[in-house]
Amino acid sequence: MPFASHEAYFAGVAPEARQLLVSIQTTVASLLPEAARCISYNMPAFRAKRVFFYFAAFKKHIGVYPPITKDAALICELAPYRGEKGNLSFPLSEPLPIELIGRVALALHREYCSK
């Protein structure tokens, strides 16, 4: 079922994950007020010129996409959360590193929206 908004997506996830998604949404919106909320690939996302940040809830983790490719220091810091393709996976069983996710959003905005 396609979602029309972030809120529609959030309504369909478990309450513990919903709180984390709202925290990510609030953080990205505060750091990048020019970015607009949207749904892309049926996930909550943010757009500024183009879609640059996606996030979604899964059974055991929160995923953040796409992979960062241009900030070597941040890529190293994200190593514990990176999957094989570089996408980020934050386990629901651990505290969400919201400040780090905010830095990811800023880095992805630089990578995808400065072109």
C-alpha atoms as a PDB file:
ATOM      1  CA  MET A   1       0.000   0.000   0.000  1.00  0.00           C
ATOM      2  CA  PRO A   2       1.523   3.351  -0.986  1.00  0.00           C
ATOM      3  CA  PHE A   3       1.852   5.949   1.759  1.00  0.00           C
ATOM      4  CA  ALA A   4       0.765   9.559   1.240  1.00  0.00           C
ATOM      5  CA  SER A   5       2.838  11.129   4.036  1.00  0.00           C
ATOM      6  CA  HIS A   6       5.392  10.480   6.737  1.00  0.00           C
ATOM      7  CA  GLU A   7       2.568  10.335   9.265  1.00  0.00           C
ATOM      8  CA  ALA A   8       0.705   7.686   7.262  1.00  0.00           C
ATOM      9  CA  TYR A   9       3.885   5.576   7.191  1.00  0.00           C
ATOM     10  CA  PHE A  10       4.519   6.105  10.915  1.00  0.00           C
ATOM     11  CA  ALA A  11       0.972   4.995  11.760  1.00  0.00           C
ATOM     12  CA  GLY A  12       1.730   1.542  10.387  1.00  0.00           C
ATOM     13  CA  VAL A  13       4.843   0.790  12.453  1.00  0.00           C
ATOM     14  CA  ALA A  14       5.243  -0.452  16.026  1.00  0.00           C
ATOM     15  CA  PRO A  15       5.038   2.304  18.674  1.00  0.00           C
ATOM     16  CA  GLU A  16       8.678   1.914  19.764  1.00  0.00           C
ATOM     17  CA  ALA A  17       9.871   2.360  16.171  1.00  0.00           C
ATOM     18  CA  ARG A  18       7.392   5.196  15.526  1.00  0.00           C
ATOM     19  CA  GLN A  19       8.995   7.291  18.254  1.00  0.00           C
ATOM     20  CA  LEU A  20      12.432   6.794  16.683  1.00  0.00           C
ATOM     21  CA  LEU A  21      11.165   7.715  13.201  1.00  0.00           C
ATOM     22  CA  VAL A  22       9.606  10.911  14.547  1.00  0.00           C
ATOM     23  CA  SER A  23      12.920  11.727  16.217  1.00  0.00           C
ATOM     24  CA  ILE A  24      14.760  11.298  12.911  1.00  0.00           C
ATOM     25  CA  GLN A  25      12.164  13.384  11.059  1.00  0.00           C
ATOM     26  CA  THR A  26      12.399  16.190  13.648  1.00  0.00           C
ATOM     27  CA  THR A  27      16.201  16.172  13.583  1.00  0.00           C
ATOM     28  CA  VAL A  28      16.489  16.317   9.796  1.00  0.00           C
ATOM     29  CA  ALA A  29      13.813  19.029   9.544  1.00  0.00           C
ATOM     30  CA  SER A  30      15.578  21.164  12.146  1.00  0.00           C
ATOM     31  CA  LEU A  31      19.017  20.782  10.519  1.00  0.00           C
ATOM     32  CA  LEU A  32      17.751  21.275   6.957  1.00  0.00           C
ATOM     33  CA  PRO A  33      14.633  23.477   7.113  1.00  0.00           C
ATOM     34  CA  GLU A  34      14.692  23.962   3.337  1.00  0.00           C
ATOM     35  CA  ALA A  35      14.209  20.215   2.797  1.00  0.00           C
ATOM     36  CA  ALA A  36      10.678  19.029   2.132  1.00  0.00           C
ATOM     37  CA  ARG A  37       9.161  15.843   3.482  1.00  0.00           C
ATOM     38  CA  CYS A  38       8.140  13.336   0.844  1.00  0.00           C
ATOM     39  CA  ILE A  39       7.563   9.640   0.269  1.00  0.00           C
ATOM     40  CA  SER A  40       9.918   7.898  -2.141  1.00  0.00           C
ATOM     41  CA  TYR A  41      10.209   4.148  -2.720  1.00  0.00           C
ATOM     42  CA  ASN A  42       7.275   3.995  -0.272  1.00  0.00           C
ATOM     43  CA  MET A  43       9.524   5.243   2.566  1.00  0.00           C
ATOM     44  CA  PRO A  44       9.655   8.573   4.403  1.00  0.00           C
ATOM     45  CA  ALA A  45      12.240  10.775   2.742  1.00  0.00           C
ATOM     46  CA  PHE A  46      13.474  14.350   2.420  1.00  0.00           C
ATOM     47  CA  ARG A  47      13.937  16.297  -0.797  1.00  0.00           C
ATOM     48  CA  ALA A  48      15.925  19.438  -1.624  1.00  0.00           C
ATOM     49  CA  LYS A  49      16.335  19.710  -5.408  1.00  0.00           C
ATOM     50  CA  ARG A  50      16.240  15.884  -5.318  1.00  0.00           C
ATOM     51  CA  VAL A  51      15.555  13.178  -2.766  1.00  0.00           C
ATOM     52  CA  PHE A  52      18.651  12.785  -0.613  1.00  0.00           C
ATOM     53  CA  PHE A  53      17.615  11.002   2.616  1.00  0.00           C
ATOM     54  CA  TYR A  54      15.378   7.981   3.203  1.00  0.00           C
ATOM     55  CA  PHE A  55      14.561   6.262   6.474  1.00  0.00           C
ATOM     56  CA  ALA A  56      12.368   3.319   7.377  1.00  0.00           C
ATOM     57  CA  ALA A  57      11.438   0.952  10.196  1.00  0.00           C
ATOM     58  CA  PHE A  58      11.963  -2.776  10.022  1.00  0.00           C
ATOM     59  CA  LYS A  59      11.329  -5.563  12.497  1.00  0.00           C
ATOM     60  CA  LYS A  60      14.684  -5.206  14.269  1.00  0.00           C
ATOM     61  CA  HIS A  61      16.221  -1.981  12.990  1.00  0.00           C
ATOM     62  CA  ILE A  62      15.823   1.497  11.519  1.00  0.00           C
ATOM     63  CA  GLY A  63      17.355   1.822   8.050  1.00  0.00           C
ATOM     64  CA  VAL A  64      18.857   5.013   6.607  1.00  0.00           C
ATOM     65  CA  TYR A  65      19.627   5.345   2.890  1.00  0.00           C
ATOM     66  CA  PRO A  66      21.457   5.932   0.546  1.00  0.00           C
ATOM     67  CA  PRO A  67      25.062   5.255   1.574  1.00  0.00           C
ATOM     68  CA  ILE A  68      27.423   8.153   2.161  1.00  0.00           C
ATOM     69  CA  THR A  69      30.296   8.063  -0.325  1.00  0.00           C
ATOM     70  CA  LYS A  70      32.241  11.310   0.029  1.00  0.00           C
ATOM     71  CA  ASP A  71      32.972  11.889   3.739  1.00  0.00           C
ATOM     72  CA  ALA A  72      35.700   9.397   4.686  1.00  0.00           C
ATOM     73  CA  ALA A  73      35.788  10.332   8.376  1.00  0.00           C
ATOM     74  CA  LEU A  74      32.030   9.949   8.738  1.00  0.00           C
ATOM     75  CA  ILE A  75      32.087   6.673   6.784  1.00  0.00           C
ATOM     76  CA  CYS A  76      34.632   5.301   9.284  1.00  0.00           C
ATOM     77  CA  GLU A  77      32.523   6.475  12.221  1.00  0.00           C
ATOM     78  CA  LEU A  78      29.490   4.722  10.721  1.00  0.00           C
ATOM     79  CA  ALA A  79      31.306   1.383  10.316  1.00  0.00           C
ATOM     80  CA  PRO A  80      29.373  -0.391  13.107  1.00  0.00           C
ATOM     81  CA  TYR A  81      26.081   0.433  11.357  1.00  0.00           C
ATOM     82  CA  ARG A  82      27.027  -0.089   7.701  1.00  0.00           C
ATOM     83  CA  GLY A  83      25.746  -3.048   5.736  1.00  0.00           C
ATOM     84  CA  GLU A  84      27.400  -4.665   2.721  1.00  0.00           C
ATOM     85  CA  LYS A  85      26.162  -1.958   0.351  1.00  0.00           C
ATOM     86  CA  GLY A  86      26.860   0.887   2.773  1.00  0.00           C
ATOM     87  CA  ASN A  87      23.265   1.397   3.879  1.00  0.00           C
ATOM     88  CA  LEU A  88      22.876   2.083   7.587  1.00  0.00           C
ATOM     89  CA  SER A  89      21.076  -0.172  10.029  1.00  0.00           C
ATOM     90  CA  PHE A  90      20.426   1.032  13.592  1.00  0.00           C
ATOM     91  CA  PRO A  91      19.238  -1.827  15.841  1.00  0.00           C
ATOM     92  CA  LEU A  92      16.037  -1.179  17.778  1.00  0.00           C
ATOM     93  CA  SER A  93      17.693  -2.882  20.753  1.00  0.00           C
ATOM     94  CA  GLU A  94      20.249  -0.047  21.085  1.00  0.00           C
ATOM     95  CA  PRO A  95      19.863   3.698  21.729  1.00  0.00           C
ATOM     96  CA  LEU A  96      19.421   5.592  18.478  1.00  0.00           C
ATOM     97  CA  PRO A  97      22.475   7.816  17.751  1.00  0.00           C
ATOM     98  CA  ILE A  98      20.321  10.740  16.637  1.00  0.00           C
ATOM     99  CA  GLU A  99      23.172  13.261  16.484  1.00  0.00           C
ATOM    100  CA  LEU A 100      25.084  10.902  14.189  1.00  0.00           C
ATOM    101  CA  ILE A 101      22.014  10.421  11.992  1.00  0.00           C
ATOM    102  CA  GLY A 102      21.708  14.209  11.759  1.00  0.00           C
ATOM    103  CA  ARG A 103      25.282  14.376  10.520  1.00  0.00           C
ATOM    104  CA  VAL A 104      24.441  11.667   7.982  1.00  0.00           C
ATOM    105  CA  ALA A 105      21.525  13.783   6.717  1.00  0.00           C
ATOM    106  CA  LEU A 106      23.775  16.830   6.355  1.00  0.00           C
ATOM    107  CA  ALA A 107      26.420  14.790   4.499  1.00  0.00           C
ATOM    108  CA  LEU A 108      23.843  13.270   2.142  1.00  0.00           C
ATOM    109  CA  HIS A 109      22.378  16.724   1.493  1.00  0.00           C
ATOM    110  CA  ARG A 110      25.865  17.961   0.532  1.00  0.00           C
ATOM    111  CA  GLU A 111      26.432  14.931  -1.733  1.00  0.00           C
ATOM    112  CA  TYR A 112      23.099  14.885  -3.530  1.00  0.00           C
ATOM    113  CA  CYS A 113      21.882  18.472  -3.555  1.00  0.00           C
ATOM    114  CA  SER A 114      25.010  20.453  -4.368  1.00  0.00           C
ATOM    115  CA  LYS A 115      25.147  19.148  -7.942  1.00  0.00           C
END
